[in-house]
Protein backbone atom coordinates (compact mmCIF):
# COMPACT_ATOMS: atom_id res chain seq x y z
CA MET A 1 110.44 120.73 109.05
CA ARG A 2 113.39 121.25 111.34
CA PHE A 3 115.78 118.91 109.69
CA GLU A 4 114.84 119.27 106.03
CA GLY A 5 117.85 118.17 103.86
CA LYS A 6 120.06 117.66 106.92
CA CYS A 7 122.58 114.78 106.82
CA VAL A 8 122.62 112.89 110.16
CA VAL A 9 124.63 109.97 111.35
CA VAL A 10 122.78 107.94 113.98
CA THR A 11 124.57 105.06 115.77
CA GLY A 12 122.61 102.28 117.57
CA ALA A 13 119.97 102.69 114.86
CA SER A 14 119.06 99.04 114.69
CA ARG A 15 116.93 99.06 117.77
CA GLY A 16 115.54 100.98 120.78
CA ILE A 17 116.22 104.67 121.11
CA GLY A 18 118.24 104.80 117.87
CA ARG A 19 115.50 103.33 115.86
CA VAL A 20 112.90 105.78 117.14
CA VAL A 21 115.30 108.69 116.54
CA THR A 22 115.83 107.58 113.07
CA ILE A 23 112.17 107.32 112.35
CA ASP A 24 111.57 110.80 113.82
CA LEU A 25 114.39 112.40 111.88
CA ILE A 26 113.16 111.03 108.60
CA ALA A 27 109.68 112.35 109.38
CA GLU A 28 111.21 115.78 109.80
CA GLY A 29 113.02 115.80 106.51
CA ALA A 30 116.44 114.47 107.32
CA LYS A 31 118.71 112.09 105.43
CA VAL A 32 119.99 109.52 107.91
CA ILE A 33 123.05 107.25 107.83
CA ALA A 34 121.89 104.41 110.16
CA VAL A 35 124.72 102.64 111.88
CA GLY A 36 124.44 99.31 113.69
CA ARG A 37 125.75 95.85 113.98
CA ASN A 38 122.75 93.94 112.64
CA GLN A 39 121.87 94.19 108.94
CA LYS A 40 118.32 92.70 109.31
CA ASP A 41 117.47 95.07 112.28
CA LEU A 42 118.73 98.13 110.36
CA GLU A 43 116.70 97.14 107.34
CA SER A 44 113.58 96.97 109.66
CA THR A 45 114.36 100.46 111.05
CA ARG A 46 114.65 101.74 107.45
CA ASP A 47 111.29 100.12 106.46
CA MET A 48 109.57 101.70 109.47
CA THR A 49 110.37 105.26 108.34
CA SER A 50 108.11 107.34 106.15
CA LYS A 51 110.81 107.69 103.48
CA PRO A 52 113.04 104.60 103.28
CA ASP A 53 114.94 105.98 100.43
CA ASN A 54 116.37 108.68 102.79
CA VAL A 55 118.02 106.08 105.00
CA ASP A 56 121.43 104.70 104.15
CA ILE A 57 122.37 101.52 106.16
CA CYS A 58 125.87 101.02 107.41
CA VAL A 59 126.61 97.71 109.24
CA ALA A 60 129.62 98.47 111.47
CA ASP A 61 131.10 97.55 114.84
CA LEU A 62 132.22 100.79 116.42
CA ARG A 63 135.04 99.01 118.27
CA SER A 64 136.77 98.58 114.88
CA THR A 65 138.78 101.27 113.29
CA GLU A 66 138.02 99.78 109.92
CA ALA A 67 134.37 100.22 110.61
CA ILE A 68 134.94 103.83 111.59
CA ASP A 69 136.61 104.31 108.24
CA SER A 70 133.67 102.74 106.37
CA ILE A 71 131.20 105.07 108.10
CA THR A 72 133.32 108.07 107.32
CA LYS A 73 133.60 107.05 103.66
CA LEU A 74 129.80 106.74 103.42
CA VAL A 75 129.33 110.13 105.03
CA HIS A 76 131.66 111.73 102.55
CA GLU A 77 129.60 110.24 99.77
CA ARG A 78 126.27 111.31 101.17
CA GLY A 79 127.15 114.55 102.96
CA PRO A 80 127.81 117.32 103.78
CA LEU A 81 127.35 116.17 107.34
CA ASP A 82 125.30 118.29 109.75
CA ILE A 83 124.72 116.17 112.94
CA ILE A 84 126.41 113.23 114.68
CA MET A 85 124.21 111.35 117.11
CA ASN A 86 126.11 108.80 119.22
CA ILE A 87 123.33 106.58 120.58
CA ALA A 88 124.97 103.14 120.45
CA GLY A 89 125.68 101.51 123.80
CA VAL A 90 125.96 98.11 125.34
CA TRP A 91 124.58 96.86 128.70
CA HIS A 92 123.60 93.29 127.87
CA ASP A 93 124.16 90.48 125.39
CA ASP A 94 121.83 87.81 124.14
CA GLU A 95 121.76 85.96 127.43
CA ARG A 96 122.21 88.40 130.37
CA LYS A 97 122.26 91.94 131.47
CA PHE A 98 125.73 93.19 132.48
CA GLN A 99 124.62 93.85 136.11
CA GLY A 100 124.97 91.83 139.28
CA ARG A 101 128.75 91.24 139.50
CA ILE A 102 131.39 93.08 141.36
CA LEU A 103 134.21 94.49 139.30
CA SER A 104 136.65 91.73 140.13
CA ASP A 105 134.15 89.14 138.88
CA THR A 106 133.30 91.02 135.61
CA PRO A 107 134.81 89.33 132.54
CA LEU A 108 137.27 91.61 130.62
CA SER A 109 135.37 90.84 127.44
CA GLU A 110 132.34 92.42 128.91
CA ILE A 111 134.25 95.54 130.11
CA ASP A 112 135.74 95.92 126.64
CA ASP A 113 132.26 95.56 125.02
CA VAL A 114 130.66 98.16 127.26
CA MET A 115 133.46 100.72 127.07
CA GLY A 116 134.51 99.91 123.56
CA VAL A 117 131.14 100.70 122.01
CA GLY A 118 129.63 103.33 124.32
CA LEU A 119 132.74 105.39 124.98
CA ARG A 120 135.66 104.59 122.78
CA GLY A 121 133.45 103.90 119.75
CA SER A 122 131.69 107.27 120.20
CA ILE A 123 135.08 109.06 120.67
CA LEU A 124 136.51 107.37 117.49
CA LEU A 125 133.50 108.18 115.32
CA THR A 126 133.14 111.72 116.52
CA ARG A 127 136.93 112.29 116.05
CA ALA A 128 136.74 110.95 112.49
CA LEU A 129 133.66 113.03 111.52
CA LEU A 130 134.47 116.28 113.26
CA PRO A 131 136.58 117.79 110.55
CA ASP A 132 133.50 118.02 108.38
CA LEU A 133 131.75 120.20 110.95
CA VAL A 134 134.78 122.20 112.01
CA ASN A 135 135.60 123.09 108.36
CA ARG A 136 131.96 124.38 107.94
CA ARG A 137 131.86 126.09 111.34
CA SER A 138 128.54 124.52 111.95
CA GLY A 139 126.95 121.41 113.34
CA LYS A 140 125.70 119.38 116.24
CA VAL A 141 127.05 116.46 118.23
CA LEU A 142 124.82 114.46 120.57
CA PHE A 143 125.56 111.67 122.97
CA VAL A 144 123.14 109.40 124.80
CA ALA A 145 124.16 108.06 128.14
CA CYS A 146 122.43 106.21 130.97
CA GLY A 147 121.10 108.76 133.64
CA PHE A 148 122.48 107.25 136.89
CA ALA A 149 121.07 109.27 139.81
CA GLY A 150 124.32 108.67 141.73
CA ALA A 151 127.10 106.21 142.56
CA HIS A 152 124.59 104.27 144.74
CA GLU A 153 123.02 102.97 141.37
CA ALA A 154 126.41 101.81 140.13
CA SER A 155 126.66 98.62 142.33
CA GLY A 156 126.93 95.62 140.20
CA TRP A 157 127.94 97.27 136.99
CA VAL A 158 130.60 99.77 137.76
CA HIS A 159 132.07 99.48 134.27
CA TYR A 160 128.72 100.65 132.81
CA TYR A 161 128.41 103.51 135.32
CA VAL A 162 131.91 104.74 134.58
CA THR A 163 131.30 104.51 130.83
CA ASN A 164 128.26 106.75 131.10
CA LYS A 165 129.82 109.26 133.48
CA ALA A 166 132.72 109.48 131.07
CA ILE A 167 130.30 110.29 128.23
CA GLU A 168 128.92 113.11 130.32
CA ALA A 169 132.46 114.43 130.88
CA LEU A 170 133.20 114.04 127.11
CA THR A 171 130.16 116.16 126.37
CA ALA A 172 131.30 119.02 128.54
CA GLY A 173 134.94 118.92 127.37
CA LEU A 174 134.11 118.67 123.73
CA ALA A 175 131.56 121.51 124.03
CA SER A 176 134.17 123.76 125.42
CA GLU A 177 136.64 122.74 122.63
CA LEU A 178 134.16 123.27 119.77
CA TRP A 179 132.28 126.28 120.97
CA LYS A 180 134.54 128.63 118.84
CA TYR A 181 133.56 126.57 115.77
CA ARG A 182 129.86 127.15 116.42
CA ILE A 183 129.34 123.51 117.12
CA GLN A 184 127.04 122.52 119.93
CA VAL A 185 127.63 119.28 121.91
CA ASN A 186 125.04 117.94 124.35
CA CYS A 187 123.94 114.70 125.98
CA VAL A 188 120.66 113.08 126.88
CA ALA A 189 120.81 110.74 129.81
CA PRO A 190 117.58 108.82 130.47
CA TRP A 191 117.12 106.04 133.21
CA TYR A 192 115.04 103.00 132.26
CA VAL A 193 113.60 103.27 128.72
CA ALA A 194 110.79 101.04 127.50
CA THR A 195 112.80 99.14 124.91
CA GLU A 196 112.65 95.40 124.07
CA ALA A 197 115.84 94.87 126.14
CA VAL A 198 114.39 96.50 129.28
CA GLN A 199 111.19 94.47 128.80
CA ARG A 200 113.34 91.35 128.67
CA PHE A 201 115.79 91.97 131.46
CA TYR A 202 113.84 94.24 133.72
CA PRO A 203 110.20 93.27 133.16
CA ASN A 204 109.06 94.73 136.54
CA ASP A 205 110.42 98.20 135.45
CA PHE A 206 109.04 98.15 131.99
CA ASP A 207 105.57 99.72 132.74
CA THR A 208 107.26 102.73 134.65
CA ALA A 209 110.02 103.20 132.01
CA LEU A 210 110.32 106.13 129.73
CA ASP A 211 108.73 106.04 126.28
CA PRO A 212 111.68 106.07 123.77
CA LYS A 213 109.85 108.85 121.97
CA GLU A 214 110.49 111.08 124.93
CA ILE A 215 114.21 110.60 124.49
CA SER A 216 113.91 111.18 120.77
CA LYS A 217 111.98 114.37 121.43
CA MET A 218 114.67 115.78 123.58
CA ALA A 219 117.50 114.52 121.23
CA LEU A 220 115.90 116.28 118.28
CA PHE A 221 115.33 119.48 120.19
CA LEU A 222 118.96 119.61 121.13
CA CYS A 223 119.96 119.02 117.50
CA SER A 224 117.50 121.60 116.15
CA PRO A 225 118.05 125.32 115.40
CA ALA A 226 116.02 126.16 118.58
CA ALA A 227 118.92 124.87 120.69
CA GLU A 228 121.84 126.78 118.98
CA ASN A 229 122.74 128.49 122.24
CA ILE A 230 122.77 125.28 124.39
CA SER A 231 125.97 123.38 124.60
CA GLY A 232 127.87 121.25 127.11
CA GLN A 233 124.69 120.12 128.90
CA THR A 234 123.61 116.72 130.03
CA VAL A 235 119.85 116.55 130.23
CA GLU A 236 118.73 113.78 132.65
CA LEU A 237 115.33 112.15 131.92
CA ARG A 238 113.50 109.91 134.45
CA SER A 239 109.92 108.81 134.16
CA VAL A 240 107.32 110.49 136.50
CA LYS A 241 106.06 106.87 137.02
CA ASP A 242 109.36 105.76 138.35
CA PRO A 243 108.97 104.65 142.00
CA GLN A 244 112.01 106.78 143.01
CA THR A 245 110.50 109.76 141.40
CA ILE A 246 107.21 109.27 143.17
CA GLU A 247 108.97 108.89 146.58
């Protein structure tokens, strides 16, 4: 198994892509520290895996420096750390998707939530955990972003577009910085993914959306020994059933 005995931190593990990635990592022998904001959902993720005892739950809000400290403490207890997978992101709340408003009409709280979790949270957590990888001269860092085809798809949620493009830039910059430490940094950037949230907020796109397992498959490949010579890359994924792909 590709990840036998590996210690992996997965953010956004309570639902969607992060949940599927956690399940697949456990199936391949990893030990996972599953990070998310909802205790019950994290417990559900753990119970869906083939070896629940190999999952440690960490309820944390990545916008909080105290939460980053608690994750770091748990990693030091369970480590040594091998892989950081930054999957957590925000593009909706319980009531609405964060699309459909021009920037001047977008609440500051919404901007803070989107950028605070997806970008700042990923930076803070990676910054806190990197010394473990640097000291061992080994490891993988993965980011997940939204694969916008271009700025024409940014209308109505510019803050989300900017956040995801910044994650792609972070991937390239960090890869350059860490190459001498034999640490690979990559990003997977899918468009619509068939998650519960997409089914709720974009029901007309659900049937043509990517299966979350496709994102997991690419994420695990990029964090596997087979990808040790790949770094600084953003791999965009878009379903062949997507109307824009067909056109």
